[in-house]
Protein backbone atom coordinates (compact mmCIF):
# COMPACT_ATOMS: atom_id res chain seq x y z
CA MET A 1 8.25 6.99 -27.84
CA SER A 2 10.96 4.66 -29.13
CA LYS A 3 10.18 1.35 -30.81
CA ALA A 4 11.41 -0.58 -27.77
CA ILE A 5 8.31 -1.79 -25.98
CA SER A 6 7.69 -0.15 -22.61
CA ARG A 7 6.12 -1.85 -19.61
CA ARG A 8 2.95 0.19 -20.16
CA ASP A 9 2.66 -1.00 -23.77
CA PHE A 10 3.55 -4.56 -22.76
CA MET A 11 0.71 -4.66 -20.25
CA LYS A 12 -1.74 -3.29 -22.79
CA VAL A 13 -0.74 -5.95 -25.30
CA THR A 14 -1.01 -8.83 -22.86
CA GLY A 15 -4.42 -7.66 -21.66
CA ALA A 16 -6.17 -6.95 -18.41
CA VAL A 17 -6.40 -9.43 -15.59
CA GLY A 18 -9.66 -11.35 -15.15
CA ALA A 19 -12.23 -10.85 -12.43
CA ALA A 20 -11.78 -12.15 -8.92
CA GLY A 21 -13.24 -15.42 -7.72
CA LEU A 22 -16.91 -15.70 -7.02
CA LEU A 23 -18.33 -14.94 -3.62
CA ALA A 24 -18.89 -18.10 -1.60
CA ALA A 25 -22.39 -18.40 -0.16
CA CYS A 26 -22.93 -18.03 3.56
CA GLY A 27 -25.62 -20.11 5.13
CA GLY A 28 -26.98 -21.49 8.38
CA ASN A 29 -29.65 -20.93 10.99
CA SER A 30 -29.64 -17.82 13.14
CA ALA A 31 -28.74 -17.94 16.77
CA ALA A 32 -28.80 -15.05 19.18
CA SER A 33 -25.42 -15.05 20.84
CA SER A 34 -22.26 -13.00 20.48
CA SER A 35 -19.67 -11.45 22.73
CA ALA A 36 -20.62 -7.83 23.07
CA ALA A 37 -18.29 -5.20 21.76
CA SER A 38 -18.45 -1.48 22.30
CA THR A 39 -20.76 0.59 20.23
CA ALA A 40 -19.63 3.23 17.84
CA SER A 41 -17.06 5.64 16.57
CA SER A 42 -17.25 9.31 17.36
CA ALA A 43 -18.45 10.33 13.89
CA PRO A 44 -22.22 10.58 13.28
CA ALA A 45 -23.18 7.08 12.26
CA ALA A 46 -25.71 4.32 12.23
CA SER A 47 -26.28 2.41 15.45
CA ALA A 48 -25.71 -1.30 15.95
CA ASP A 49 -28.16 -3.57 14.13
CA GLU A 50 -29.59 -5.58 17.00
CA SER A 51 -31.20 -8.05 14.60
CA LEU A 52 -27.83 -9.42 13.52
CA ALA A 53 -26.77 -12.69 15.11
CA LEU A 54 -24.23 -15.42 14.59
CA SER A 55 -25.47 -18.59 12.91
CA ASP A 56 -25.51 -21.90 14.77
CA GLY A 57 -25.42 -23.83 11.49
CA PRO A 58 -22.68 -24.34 8.91
CA VAL A 59 -21.33 -21.11 7.46
CA SER A 60 -19.12 -20.77 4.39
CA MET A 61 -17.30 -17.43 4.28
CA THR A 62 -14.68 -15.83 2.04
CA ILE A 63 -11.86 -13.35 2.55
CA SER A 64 -9.37 -11.73 0.18
CA TRP A 65 -6.09 -9.88 0.58
CA TRP A 66 -2.91 -8.98 -1.28
CA GLY A 67 0.64 -9.14 0.01
CA GLY A 68 3.87 -11.09 0.15
CA ASP A 69 4.56 -14.62 1.38
CA SER A 70 4.90 -13.72 5.06
CA ARG A 71 1.55 -11.89 5.04
CA HIS A 72 -0.12 -14.83 3.30
CA GLU A 73 1.23 -17.16 5.97
CA ALA A 74 0.04 -14.92 8.82
CA TYR A 75 -3.49 -14.61 7.48
CA GLN A 76 -3.77 -18.35 6.86
CA ASN A 77 -2.49 -19.25 10.32
CA ALA A 78 -4.89 -16.77 11.93
CA ILE A 79 -7.79 -18.17 9.90
CA LYS A 80 -6.97 -21.69 11.13
CA GLU A 81 -7.16 -20.49 14.73
CA PHE A 82 -10.43 -18.68 14.07
CA GLN A 83 -11.96 -21.80 12.55
CA ALA A 84 -10.79 -23.82 15.56
CA GLU A 85 -12.77 -21.47 17.81
CA HIS A 86 -15.77 -21.26 15.46
CA THR A 87 -16.09 -24.84 14.29
CA ASN A 88 -19.24 -24.19 12.23
CA ILE A 89 -17.46 -21.61 10.04
CA THR A 90 -15.37 -22.52 7.01
CA ILE A 91 -13.31 -19.76 5.41
CA GLU A 92 -12.10 -19.79 1.82
CA PRO A 93 -9.24 -17.31 1.25
CA THR A 94 -8.23 -15.63 -2.01
CA PHE A 95 -4.85 -13.90 -2.10
CA ALA A 96 -1.98 -12.89 -4.38
CA ALA A 97 0.75 -10.31 -4.83
CA TRP A 98 -0.20 -6.70 -5.48
CA SER A 99 0.45 -6.67 -9.24
CA GLY A 100 -2.93 -6.79 -10.99
CA TRP A 101 -4.80 -7.13 -7.71
CA GLU A 102 -6.79 -3.89 -7.85
CA GLU A 103 -7.98 -4.71 -11.36
CA LYS A 104 -9.28 -8.05 -10.09
CA MET A 105 -11.03 -6.51 -7.13
CA ALA A 106 -12.49 -3.62 -9.13
CA ALA A 107 -14.11 -6.14 -11.46
CA ALA A 108 -15.44 -8.09 -8.48
CA PHE A 109 -16.88 -4.99 -6.80
CA ILE A 110 -18.63 -3.98 -10.01
CA ALA A 111 -19.96 -7.49 -10.60
CA GLY A 112 -21.09 -7.86 -6.99
CA ASN A 113 -19.12 -11.05 -6.37
CA ALA A 114 -16.28 -9.84 -4.15
CA GLN A 115 -15.45 -11.80 -1.01
CA ASP A 116 -17.30 -11.30 2.29
CA VAL A 117 -14.27 -9.72 3.97
CA CYS A 118 -11.91 -7.71 1.79
CA GLN A 119 -8.57 -6.13 2.55
CA VAL A 120 -9.00 -2.75 0.87
CA ASN A 121 -6.88 0.23 0.00
CA TRP A 122 -8.09 3.43 1.63
CA ASN A 123 -8.85 5.12 -1.69
CA TRP A 124 -11.01 2.21 -2.83
CA LEU A 125 -13.73 3.61 -0.58
CA TYR A 126 -13.80 6.65 -2.86
CA ASN A 127 -13.13 4.86 -6.13
CA TYR A 128 -15.66 2.05 -5.81
CA SER A 129 -18.00 3.01 -2.97
CA ALA A 130 -18.21 6.81 -2.93
CA ASP A 131 -21.97 6.42 -2.51
CA GLY A 132 -21.63 3.79 0.21
CA SER A 133 -23.04 1.06 -2.02
CA LYS A 134 -20.27 -1.57 -1.80
CA PHE A 135 -19.31 -1.93 1.85
CA VAL A 136 -21.28 -2.42 5.07
CA ASP A 137 -21.38 0.44 7.58
CA LEU A 138 -19.39 -1.19 10.36
CA ASN A 139 -21.23 0.79 13.00
CA THR A 140 -24.09 -1.61 12.38
CA VAL A 141 -21.95 -4.58 13.45
CA SER A 142 -20.46 -3.08 16.59
CA LYS A 143 -21.92 -6.00 18.62
CA PHE A 144 -19.27 -8.14 16.94
CA LEU A 145 -16.48 -5.68 16.12
CA ASP A 146 -15.06 -3.41 18.84
CA LEU A 147 -14.74 -0.05 17.09
CA THR A 148 -13.42 1.74 20.18
CA GLN A 149 -9.94 0.28 19.62
CA TRP A 150 -9.08 2.83 16.92
CA ASP A 151 -8.24 6.51 17.19
CA ASP A 152 -10.82 8.87 15.75
CA ALA A 153 -8.46 10.28 13.12
CA ALA A 154 -7.73 6.85 11.65
CA MET A 155 -11.40 5.90 11.72
CA ASP A 156 -12.50 9.18 10.17
CA ALA A 157 -10.21 8.52 7.18
CA CYS A 158 -12.33 5.42 6.50
CA TYR A 159 -15.66 7.21 6.98
CA VAL A 160 -17.07 7.86 3.52
CA ALA A 161 -20.65 8.60 2.42
CA ASN A 162 -21.80 8.78 6.07
CA SER A 163 -20.64 5.22 6.55
CA GLN A 164 -17.76 3.55 8.42
CA GLN A 165 -16.85 1.49 5.39
CA CYS A 166 -13.74 -0.19 6.81
CA VAL A 167 -11.51 -0.27 9.86
CA PRO A 168 -7.84 0.66 9.41
CA VAL A 169 -5.38 -2.20 9.71
CA SER A 170 -2.37 0.09 9.95
CA MET A 171 -1.01 3.53 9.11
CA THR A 172 1.91 3.84 6.73
CA GLY A 173 4.20 6.07 4.72
CA ARG A 174 7.30 5.83 2.53
CA ILE A 175 10.89 5.54 3.67
CA PHE A 176 14.23 4.51 2.19
CA PHE A 177 15.60 1.00 2.74
CA TRP A 178 19.25 0.34 1.90
CA ASN A 179 21.47 -2.69 1.40
CA MET A 180 24.57 -1.46 3.20
CA THR A 181 26.53 -4.55 2.17
CA THR A 182 26.63 -3.15 -1.35
CA PHE A 183 27.10 0.42 -0.17
CA ASN A 184 30.14 -0.70 1.81
CA LYS A 185 31.58 -2.35 -1.30
CA ALA A 186 31.29 1.06 -2.98
CA GLY A 187 33.20 2.65 -0.09
CA ILE A 188 30.11 4.21 1.53
CA THR A 189 29.63 3.51 5.24
CA GLU A 190 26.59 5.67 6.10
CA VAL A 191 23.07 5.72 4.70
CA PRO A 192 22.30 8.62 2.36
CA LYS A 193 20.89 11.63 4.22
CA SER A 194 20.79 14.27 1.47
CA LEU A 195 20.47 14.72 -2.27
CA ASP A 196 24.23 15.23 -2.42
CA ASP A 197 24.69 11.85 -0.73
CA LEU A 198 22.45 10.19 -3.31
CA MET A 199 24.30 11.72 -6.23
CA ALA A 200 27.67 10.79 -4.71
CA ALA A 201 26.45 7.23 -4.26
CA GLY A 202 25.46 7.02 -7.91
CA LYS A 203 28.93 8.09 -8.97
CA ALA A 204 30.66 5.72 -6.53
CA PHE A 205 28.57 2.72 -7.60
CA LYS A 206 29.32 3.31 -11.26
CA GLU A 207 33.04 3.87 -10.75
CA LYS A 208 33.77 1.20 -8.14
CA LEU A 209 31.18 -1.52 -8.81
CA GLY A 210 30.28 -1.09 -12.47
CA ASP A 211 27.43 -0.02 -14.70
CA ASP A 212 25.09 -2.77 -13.48
CA TYR A 213 25.10 -1.66 -9.82
CA TYR A 214 22.69 1.06 -8.65
CA PRO A 215 21.99 2.71 -5.28
CA MET A 216 18.27 2.16 -5.84
CA HIS A 217 15.47 1.33 -8.24
CA LEU A 218 11.92 2.68 -8.28
CA GLY A 219 9.00 1.73 -10.47
CA ALA A 220 6.81 4.39 -12.06
CA TYR A 221 4.35 4.77 -9.17
CA ASP A 222 7.22 4.83 -6.68
CA ARG A 223 8.87 7.59 -8.73
CA MET A 224 5.66 9.60 -8.60
CA ILE A 225 5.58 9.31 -4.80
CA LEU A 226 9.23 10.35 -4.53
CA MET A 227 8.60 13.26 -6.90
CA VAL A 228 5.77 14.50 -4.69
CA PHE A 229 7.96 13.97 -1.62
CA TYR A 230 10.62 16.17 -3.26
CA LEU A 231 8.15 18.92 -4.19
CA GLU A 232 6.53 18.96 -0.76
CA SER A 233 9.96 19.16 0.83
CA LYS A 234 10.93 22.10 -1.37
CA TYR A 235 7.65 24.06 -1.47
CA GLY A 236 5.99 23.09 1.82
CA LYS A 237 2.48 22.38 0.53
CA ASP A 238 0.34 19.28 0.02
CA TRP A 239 0.33 17.82 -3.48
CA ALA A 240 -3.40 18.53 -3.62
CA ASP A 241 -6.21 19.56 -1.32
CA PRO A 242 -6.99 16.42 0.73
CA VAL A 243 -10.75 16.97 0.41
CA THR A 244 -11.34 18.52 -3.02
CA SER A 245 -8.29 17.10 -4.86
CA THR A 246 -7.47 20.56 -6.19
CA LEU A 247 -3.85 20.46 -7.35
CA ASN A 248 -1.56 22.83 -5.45
CA TYR A 249 1.34 22.89 -7.92
CA THR A 250 1.98 24.73 -11.18
CA GLU A 251 3.06 23.14 -14.44
CA ASP A 252 6.57 24.52 -13.99
CA GLU A 253 6.86 23.12 -10.46
CA ILE A 254 5.68 19.69 -11.59
CA ALA A 255 8.07 19.73 -14.55
CA GLU A 256 10.82 20.49 -12.06
CA GLY A 257 9.77 17.46 -10.01
CA ILE A 258 9.89 15.19 -13.04
CA ASP A 259 13.33 16.57 -13.89
CA PHE A 260 14.43 15.72 -10.35
CA ILE A 261 13.55 12.08 -10.99
CA LYS A 262 15.31 12.24 -14.35
CA SER A 263 18.43 13.61 -12.65
CA LEU A 264 18.55 10.51 -10.42
CA VAL A 265 18.47 8.28 -13.50
CA ASP A 266 21.04 10.40 -15.34
CA GLY A 267 23.27 10.38 -12.25
CA HIS A 268 23.22 6.56 -12.01
CA VAL A 269 21.38 6.78 -8.68
CA MET A 270 18.41 4.92 -10.12
CA MET A 271 18.14 2.28 -12.82
CA ASN A 272 16.54 3.38 -16.09
CA LEU A 273 13.10 1.78 -16.52
CA LYS A 274 14.05 0.51 -19.99
CA THR A 275 17.06 -1.28 -18.49
CA TYR A 276 15.01 -2.78 -15.67
CA TYR A 277 12.12 -3.98 -17.84
CA SER A 278 14.47 -5.42 -20.46
CA ALA A 279 15.92 -7.68 -17.77
CA ASN A 280 12.87 -8.27 -15.58
CA SER A 281 9.67 -7.54 -17.53
CA ASP A 282 6.95 -7.06 -14.88
CA THR A 283 8.82 -8.78 -12.02
CA ALA A 284 8.49 -6.85 -8.76
CA THR A 285 11.71 -5.25 -7.52
CA HIS A 286 12.07 -7.47 -4.44
CA GLN A 287 11.79 -10.54 -6.67
CA SER A 288 14.38 -9.34 -9.19
CA ASN A 289 17.80 -10.94 -9.34
CA GLU A 290 19.34 -7.47 -9.03
CA TRP A 291 17.70 -6.85 -5.66
CA ILE A 292 18.30 -10.36 -4.35
CA THR A 293 22.02 -10.22 -5.15
CA GLY A 294 22.60 -6.60 -4.12
CA LYS A 295 23.04 -4.99 -7.53
CA ILE A 296 20.07 -2.80 -6.69
CA ALA A 297 20.92 -1.55 -3.21
CA GLY A 298 17.97 0.62 -2.24
CA ILE A 299 14.25 1.20 -2.46
CA PHE A 300 11.74 3.88 -1.40
CA GLU A 301 8.84 1.86 -0.06
CA TRP A 302 6.00 1.63 2.46
CA ASP A 303 7.31 1.08 5.98
CA SER A 304 5.28 -2.13 6.19
CA ALA A 305 7.33 -3.60 3.30
CA ALA A 306 10.54 -3.86 5.35
CA SER A 307 10.19 -7.59 5.98
CA LYS A 308 9.34 -8.35 2.36
CA TYR A 309 12.47 -6.65 1.06
CA SER A 310 14.84 -7.85 3.76
CA SER A 311 13.75 -11.48 3.51
CA ALA A 312 14.19 -11.47 -0.27
CA LEU A 313 17.93 -10.79 -0.05
CA ASP A 314 20.35 -13.70 -0.44
CA ASP A 315 22.58 -14.78 2.45
CA ALA A 316 25.46 -12.60 1.29
CA ASN A 317 23.33 -9.45 1.49
CA LYS A 318 20.68 -10.10 4.13
CA ASP A 319 22.67 -8.68 7.05
CA GLY A 320 23.16 -5.41 5.19
CA PHE A 321 19.46 -4.50 5.08
CA THR A 322 19.02 -1.17 6.86
CA VAL A 323 16.13 1.19 7.50
CA GLY A 324 17.33 4.55 6.18
CA GLU A 325 16.50 8.10 7.11
CA GLU A 326 13.91 10.36 5.54
CA ILE A 327 15.69 12.86 3.29
CA LYS A 328 14.89 16.57 3.28
CA PHE A 329 15.23 17.95 -0.24
CA GLY A 330 14.34 21.46 0.92
CA ASP A 331 13.37 23.38 4.04
CA ASN A 332 10.29 21.25 4.75
CA ASN A 333 9.47 17.65 5.56
CA GLY A 334 8.11 15.93 2.49
CA GLY A 335 5.89 12.89 2.24
CA PHE A 336 2.56 11.80 3.65
CA SER A 337 1.19 9.12 5.92
CA LYS A 338 -2.07 7.36 5.22
CA VAL A 339 -4.22 4.40 6.13
CA SER A 340 -2.16 1.54 4.75
CA MET A 341 -5.11 -0.77 4.26
CA GLY A 342 -8.42 -1.60 5.86
CA LEU A 343 -10.73 -4.55 6.32
CA ALA A 344 -14.25 -4.15 4.96
CA ILE A 345 -17.38 -6.27 4.62
CA THR A 346 -19.11 -6.28 1.25
CA LYS A 347 -22.82 -5.52 1.11
CA THR A 348 -23.35 -8.70 -0.91
CA SER A 349 -22.23 -10.79 2.09
CA LYS A 350 -24.86 -13.09 3.57
CA CYS A 351 -22.88 -13.62 6.78
CA VAL A 352 -22.22 -10.11 8.02
CA ALA A 353 -22.11 -11.01 11.71
CA GLU A 354 -19.56 -13.76 11.09
CA ALA A 355 -17.53 -11.46 8.86
CA ALA A 356 -17.40 -8.81 11.59
CA THR A 357 -16.43 -11.45 14.14
CA LEU A 358 -13.54 -12.52 11.89
CA ILE A 359 -12.28 -8.95 11.54
CA ASN A 360 -12.45 -8.50 15.31
CA PHE A 361 -10.46 -11.71 15.77
CA LEU A 362 -7.78 -10.69 13.29
CA LEU A 363 -7.32 -7.12 14.49
CA ASN A 364 -8.48 -6.88 18.12
CA GLU A 365 -8.35 -10.25 19.82
CA GLU A 366 -5.18 -11.52 21.46
CA LYS A 367 -4.86 -14.78 19.55
CA GLY A 368 -5.55 -13.35 16.11
CA ALA A 369 -3.63 -10.10 16.51
CA SER A 370 -0.58 -11.89 17.91
CA ILE A 371 -0.48 -14.09 14.80
CA MET A 372 -0.96 -11.18 12.39
CA GLY A 373 1.73 -9.20 14.20
CA SER A 374 3.15 -6.51 11.93
CA GLU A 375 2.67 -8.38 8.65
CA CYS A 376 0.23 -5.69 7.51
CA GLY A 377 2.16 -2.90 9.21
CA ILE A 378 2.12 -1.69 12.81
CA PRO A 379 -1.40 -2.47 14.08
CA ALA A 380 -3.69 0.56 14.29
CA SER A 381 -5.93 -1.18 16.81
CA LYS A 382 -4.81 -0.41 20.35
CA ALA A 383 -5.76 -3.89 21.57
CA GLY A 384 -4.18 -5.49 18.50
CA LEU A 385 -0.92 -3.61 18.96
CA ALA A 386 -0.73 -4.57 22.63
CA ALA A 387 -1.33 -8.23 21.80
CA ALA A 388 1.23 -8.25 18.99
CA GLN A 389 3.84 -6.55 21.17
CA ALA A 390 3.22 -8.93 24.07
CA ALA A 391 3.71 -11.88 21.72
CA GLY A 392 6.92 -10.43 20.31
CA ALA A 393 5.25 -10.40 16.89
CA VAL A 394 6.03 -6.80 15.93
CA LYS A 395 9.10 -6.98 13.71
CA ASP A 396 11.84 -4.58 14.71
CA LEU A 397 12.50 -3.40 11.16
CA VAL A 398 8.84 -2.54 10.56
CA ALA A 399 8.55 -0.81 13.93
CA GLU A 400 11.69 1.24 13.26
CA ALA A 401 10.54 2.23 9.79
CA ASN A 402 7.03 3.15 10.92
CA ALA A 403 8.32 5.24 13.84
CA LYS A 404 10.57 7.22 11.50
CA VAL A 405 7.77 7.80 9.00
CA MET A 406 5.24 8.92 11.58
CA ALA A 407 7.71 11.27 13.23
CA PHE A 408 8.65 12.90 9.92
CA THR A 409 5.64 13.14 7.62
CA THR A 410 3.18 16.03 7.95
CA ASN A 411 1.45 16.26 4.57
CA LYS A 412 -1.97 14.88 3.70
CA LEU A 413 -2.88 12.62 0.81
CA ASP A 414 -5.91 13.24 -1.38
CA PRO A 415 -8.10 10.25 -2.38
CA LEU A 416 -7.44 10.55 -6.13
CA PHE A 417 -3.66 10.23 -6.00
CA GLU A 418 -3.88 6.44 -5.94
CA ASN A 419 -6.60 6.18 -8.56
CA ASN A 420 -5.88 3.05 -10.55
CA ASP A 421 -6.02 4.86 -13.89
CA LEU A 422 -3.08 6.90 -12.63
CA LYS A 423 -0.99 4.42 -10.67
CA ALA A 424 -1.65 1.05 -12.31
CA SER A 425 1.59 -0.80 -12.89
CA GLY A 426 2.15 -1.04 -16.62
CA THR A 427 -0.89 0.85 -17.83
CA GLY A 428 -1.35 3.96 -15.65
CA ILE A 429 -0.59 7.59 -16.44
CA TYR A 430 2.34 7.64 -14.02
CA GLN A 431 3.80 4.73 -15.99
CA GLU A 432 3.31 6.57 -19.28
CA VAL A 433 5.02 9.71 -17.98
CA PHE A 434 8.10 8.02 -16.55
CA ASP A 435 8.36 5.49 -19.39
CA THR A 436 8.48 8.40 -21.82
CA VAL A 437 11.16 10.17 -19.79
CA ASP A 438 13.36 7.06 -19.60
CA TYR A 439 12.79 5.59 -23.05
CA ASP A 440 12.94 8.85 -24.99
CA GLY A 441 15.17 10.95 -22.72
CA VAL A 442 12.73 13.87 -22.66
CA ALA A 443 12.47 16.57 -19.98
CA GLY A 444 9.68 17.18 -17.49
CA ALA A 445 8.26 20.03 -19.59
CA ASP A 446 7.65 17.55 -22.42
CA VAL A 447 5.43 15.21 -20.38
CA VAL A 448 3.81 17.45 -17.76
CA ASP A 449 0.70 17.90 -19.92
CA THR A 450 0.31 14.12 -20.13
CA LEU A 451 0.35 13.93 -16.34
CA LEU A 452 -2.06 16.85 -15.85
CA ASP A 453 -4.49 15.59 -18.49
CA GLY A 454 -4.52 12.18 -16.83
CA MET A 455 -5.08 13.68 -13.41
CA GLU A 456 -7.91 15.86 -14.68
CA SER A 457 -9.55 12.83 -16.31
CA VAL A 458 -9.94 11.10 -12.92
CA GLY A 459 -11.36 14.16 -11.18
CA TYR A 460 -8.52 16.44 -10.11
CA THR A 461 -9.13 20.18 -10.34
CA ILE A 462 -6.18 21.69 -12.18
CA GLY A 463 -5.55 25.37 -11.48
């Protein structure tokens, strides 16, 4: 690679993030009361542990999550209401933005000092608890957590090692968001609906607005997702087997996918990573001056991120934020939907009943679910969704984006795709591949082995 330092190298130089905060102790005397919830999911599972009970003494409990400012506010407001109802329970939250968060939590899971309740990524169940050792089987706490509020398919995705290791907060997938204020300045009045539209937008932005305006920007992991979206759209097959993680694509097909991403950079559709990192270092796209002021006018993001990106825009651009359309790059629908995130209870928790009661409050109960609204995506809990809708707490942009994703996506995601060694911002294999393409101007054929070797190292079967 060139001598200019890439984001991947920068992150290696500056070092890994430290471990998460220590688990707060839970204490108190047992009492034998709790509102009964329904028993279990449809999958073969453990039965409710009848010995569990809420404490009648002081309890100190912890919870952790990642997200943006609006999500932080929702969680904290919901926690205040929960503590008002359960006056003997004190909750200490730990939260931050996504960057570096998985590294923190991985260290905490390994050390056994993660929080009592953890917001988890779906693939963490496989990465850190494939043997069921890190998270409580939630079937055992069904006296306190109503598991009947979720569809079987969503629950089954969180059933690993014969254990219901988390409940899904929401389902999600990727979609385009556009700043039509900037598009209009470039003479474009409709959202892009095809590859030709994207390429035309790149040309128009460059000619009419200048070299520092781009139709969109994607980080390395986002580029990998869009590349897979493109390949699935063209070839009509999952990226990999959703159970065995056997790759379904040849080297030549993957090289073609990487070249597709390169063509977007070469066509001024997407900002070069070197250009972005030179100006922003590791700043997230929605926090960059280019996004805020409309110089970056698009993103390919999780549907649940609509509020985060729209609220970040300045007053001159905010009204232009628009949920786009999924783009077909071939004869098939590309992309996948997945469990966006879940809530789990760590096996090191000493207040499992209280932890389950908190999850039920946040996701199922009217007061908690109406506060959480759609800040973590469209609620997967039937009761939670009804409560959020009745309170007017489901944001229209998120609902629109989620509806489009769920109506379009048909492919399945395998659990290794989001392995942190692959997707980590700054240090992952995806970063290395797309840094090399952008910094050195190489073709997909020159980096496909790097990608395949990295995938094989985390457990993929390469044909």
